[in-house]
Structure formats: C-alpha cells, structure tokens
Protein backbone atom coordinates (compact mmCIF):
# COMPACT_ATOMS: atom_id res chain seq x y z
CA MET A 1 34.86 -3.56 -30.55
CA VAL A 2 35.46 -6.75 -28.67
CA ARG A 3 37.76 -7.71 -25.86
CA VAL A 4 38.87 -11.16 -24.78
CA VAL A 5 38.08 -12.09 -21.20
CA ARG A 6 39.99 -14.92 -19.53
CA ARG A 7 38.89 -16.44 -16.22
CA ASN A 8 39.46 -19.86 -14.68
CA GLY A 9 41.20 -21.12 -17.75
CA LYS A 10 38.34 -20.16 -20.06
CA SER A 11 38.20 -17.26 -22.46
CA TRP A 12 35.36 -15.59 -24.29
CA LYS A 13 34.76 -12.46 -26.26
CA ALA A 14 32.84 -9.65 -24.59
CA PRO A 15 31.78 -6.45 -26.31
CA ILE A 16 33.25 -3.20 -25.09
CA GLY A 17 30.28 -1.04 -24.37
CA ASN A 18 29.93 2.67 -24.40
CA ALA A 19 27.01 4.94 -23.64
CA LYS A 20 25.61 4.62 -27.15
CA SER A 21 25.75 0.85 -27.32
CA LYS A 22 23.98 0.27 -24.02
CA ARG A 23 20.27 0.42 -24.59
CA ILE A 24 18.53 0.55 -21.25
CA ARG A 25 14.82 0.25 -21.59
CA GLU A 26 13.15 2.80 -19.41
CA HIS A 27 9.61 2.52 -18.22
CA ARG A 28 8.19 5.88 -17.35
CA LEU A 29 5.41 5.86 -14.81
CA THR A 30 2.15 7.49 -15.69
CA PRO A 31 0.71 10.05 -13.28
CA ARG A 32 -1.89 7.49 -12.22
CA GLU A 33 0.78 4.88 -11.41
CA ILE A 34 2.69 7.45 -9.37
CA GLU A 35 -0.47 8.33 -7.47
CA ASP A 36 -1.15 4.64 -6.79
CA LEU A 37 2.35 4.19 -5.38
CA THR A 38 2.58 7.36 -3.32
CA GLY A 39 -0.85 8.77 -2.71
CA VAL A 40 -3.50 7.82 -0.27
CA GLY A 41 -6.61 6.57 -2.00
CA ILE A 42 -9.27 8.05 0.24
CA ARG A 43 -12.12 8.61 -2.16
CA HIS A 44 -14.73 9.96 0.23
CA PRO A 45 -13.09 11.54 3.27
CA GLY A 46 -15.26 11.45 6.36
CA SER A 47 -17.48 8.61 5.16
CA LEU A 48 -16.68 6.54 8.26
CA THR A 49 -16.91 9.61 10.46
CA ASP A 50 -20.43 10.25 9.18
CA LEU A 51 -21.38 6.82 10.50
CA GLY A 52 -19.93 7.59 13.94
CA TYR A 53 -16.44 6.08 13.60
CA HIS A 54 -13.59 7.85 15.39
CA ILE A 55 -10.27 6.22 16.21
CA ALA A 56 -10.27 7.54 19.78
CA GLU A 57 -13.81 6.33 20.64
CA PRO A 58 -14.38 3.34 22.94
CA GLU A 59 -14.44 -0.11 21.35
CA ALA A 60 -18.22 -0.53 21.64
CA ARG A 61 -18.96 2.69 19.73
CA LYS A 62 -16.35 1.92 17.09
CA HIS A 63 -17.74 -1.58 16.58
CA ALA A 64 -21.26 -0.22 16.19
CA ALA A 65 -20.03 2.33 13.63
CA LEU A 66 -18.05 -0.33 11.78
CA ASN A 67 -21.11 -2.58 11.67
CA ARG A 68 -23.05 0.30 10.08
CA ALA A 69 -20.20 0.82 7.61
CA VAL A 70 -20.22 -2.86 6.65
CA GLN A 71 -23.97 -2.69 6.05
CA LYS A 72 -23.66 0.46 3.95
CA TYR A 73 -20.40 -0.13 2.02
CA GLY A 74 -19.73 -3.85 2.38
CA LYS A 75 -16.90 -5.61 4.15
CA LYS A 76 -14.35 -5.19 1.34
CA GLU A 77 -14.85 -1.43 0.97
CA THR A 78 -14.84 -0.90 4.75
CA LEU A 79 -11.54 -2.79 4.99
CA ARG A 80 -10.14 -0.65 2.17
CA LYS A 81 -11.14 2.51 4.05
CA LEU A 82 -9.52 1.24 7.25
CA GLY A 83 -6.42 0.28 5.27
CA GLU A 84 -6.10 3.83 3.99
CA LEU A 85 -6.42 5.14 7.55
CA TYR A 86 -3.68 2.69 8.49
CA ARG A 87 -1.46 4.14 5.74
CA LEU A 88 -2.11 7.66 6.98
CA ASP A 89 -1.27 6.84 10.59
CA TYR A 90 1.53 4.36 9.91
CA ASN A 91 4.13 6.33 11.89
CA ARG A 92 1.87 6.91 14.88
CA PRO A 93 1.99 3.64 16.84
CA GLU A 94 -0.79 4.51 19.29
CA LEU A 95 -3.26 5.07 16.44
CA LYS A 96 -1.87 2.30 14.26
CA GLU A 97 -2.60 -0.35 16.91
CA LYS A 98 -6.20 0.80 17.24
CA ILE A 99 -6.75 0.65 13.49
CA VAL A 100 -5.21 -2.83 13.33
CA ARG A 101 -7.69 -4.01 15.97
CA ASP A 102 -10.54 -2.46 13.97
CA ILE A 103 -9.35 -4.20 10.79
CA GLN A 104 -9.24 -7.50 12.68
CA TYR A 105 -12.75 -6.88 13.99
CA VAL A 106 -14.21 -6.19 10.55
CA SER A 107 -12.39 -9.10 8.92
CA GLY A 108 -13.38 -11.50 11.69
CA GLY A 109 -9.80 -11.87 12.96
CA LYS A 110 -8.51 -13.19 9.63
CA ARG A 111 -6.14 -10.29 8.97
CA LYS A 112 -3.15 -9.26 11.04
C-alpha cells in the first residue's frame, strides 16, 4: 500500500507501514558486552592494597605505593586499576578527588 504525501508543493509516494513491514534490525548484546558496559573490571582485588595503597593514606605513602605498583604492573595497568577505583567511587566526591590526584601523579599530570 502506498499513500501520496504532499508538502511545499511537492508530492511523493510513501509506503504505509505496519508492524510486519517494518524490519528493525536488533543487535542483542552478549553477556560479555553487558559486563563491559555495566560491570567493574577489577581483575585482582586488593592488588594495590597489597603494595600499601589506601585512598585515605597521606600523599607520601600513596605515592610510594603507586611507585611500587608502576614497577610491578607497569604504568598502563596501574592507571587501569586506578580507573576502576574511580568508577567504584564515582558518587563519593571526597574519594573521587583523591583518586583523580593519584591518576594525575601516575600519569605525570597528563590526565585530568
């Protein structure tokens, strides 16, 4: 079925759609994709804690623990771990600010 549409002096034929004629392509998410979007990707909980990192510690102790983490895991993995902590504490501004400062310390001030 077709209907004629007229606008601004022009007319064209447009199909009249029903539920059967509309084919909406659905993309179903796999469980892994859902986990990536919603879950927190902490693979080894407590790995920074084992090196002496605690959010509430003074800056000097945190920096020493982060230096040990960079030596053990590398800068990229340490930043990933801090990023996951940031995601966990996103709605807690007092902790979020401390984690942001730690991320800036590890990245050399390149990340905000």
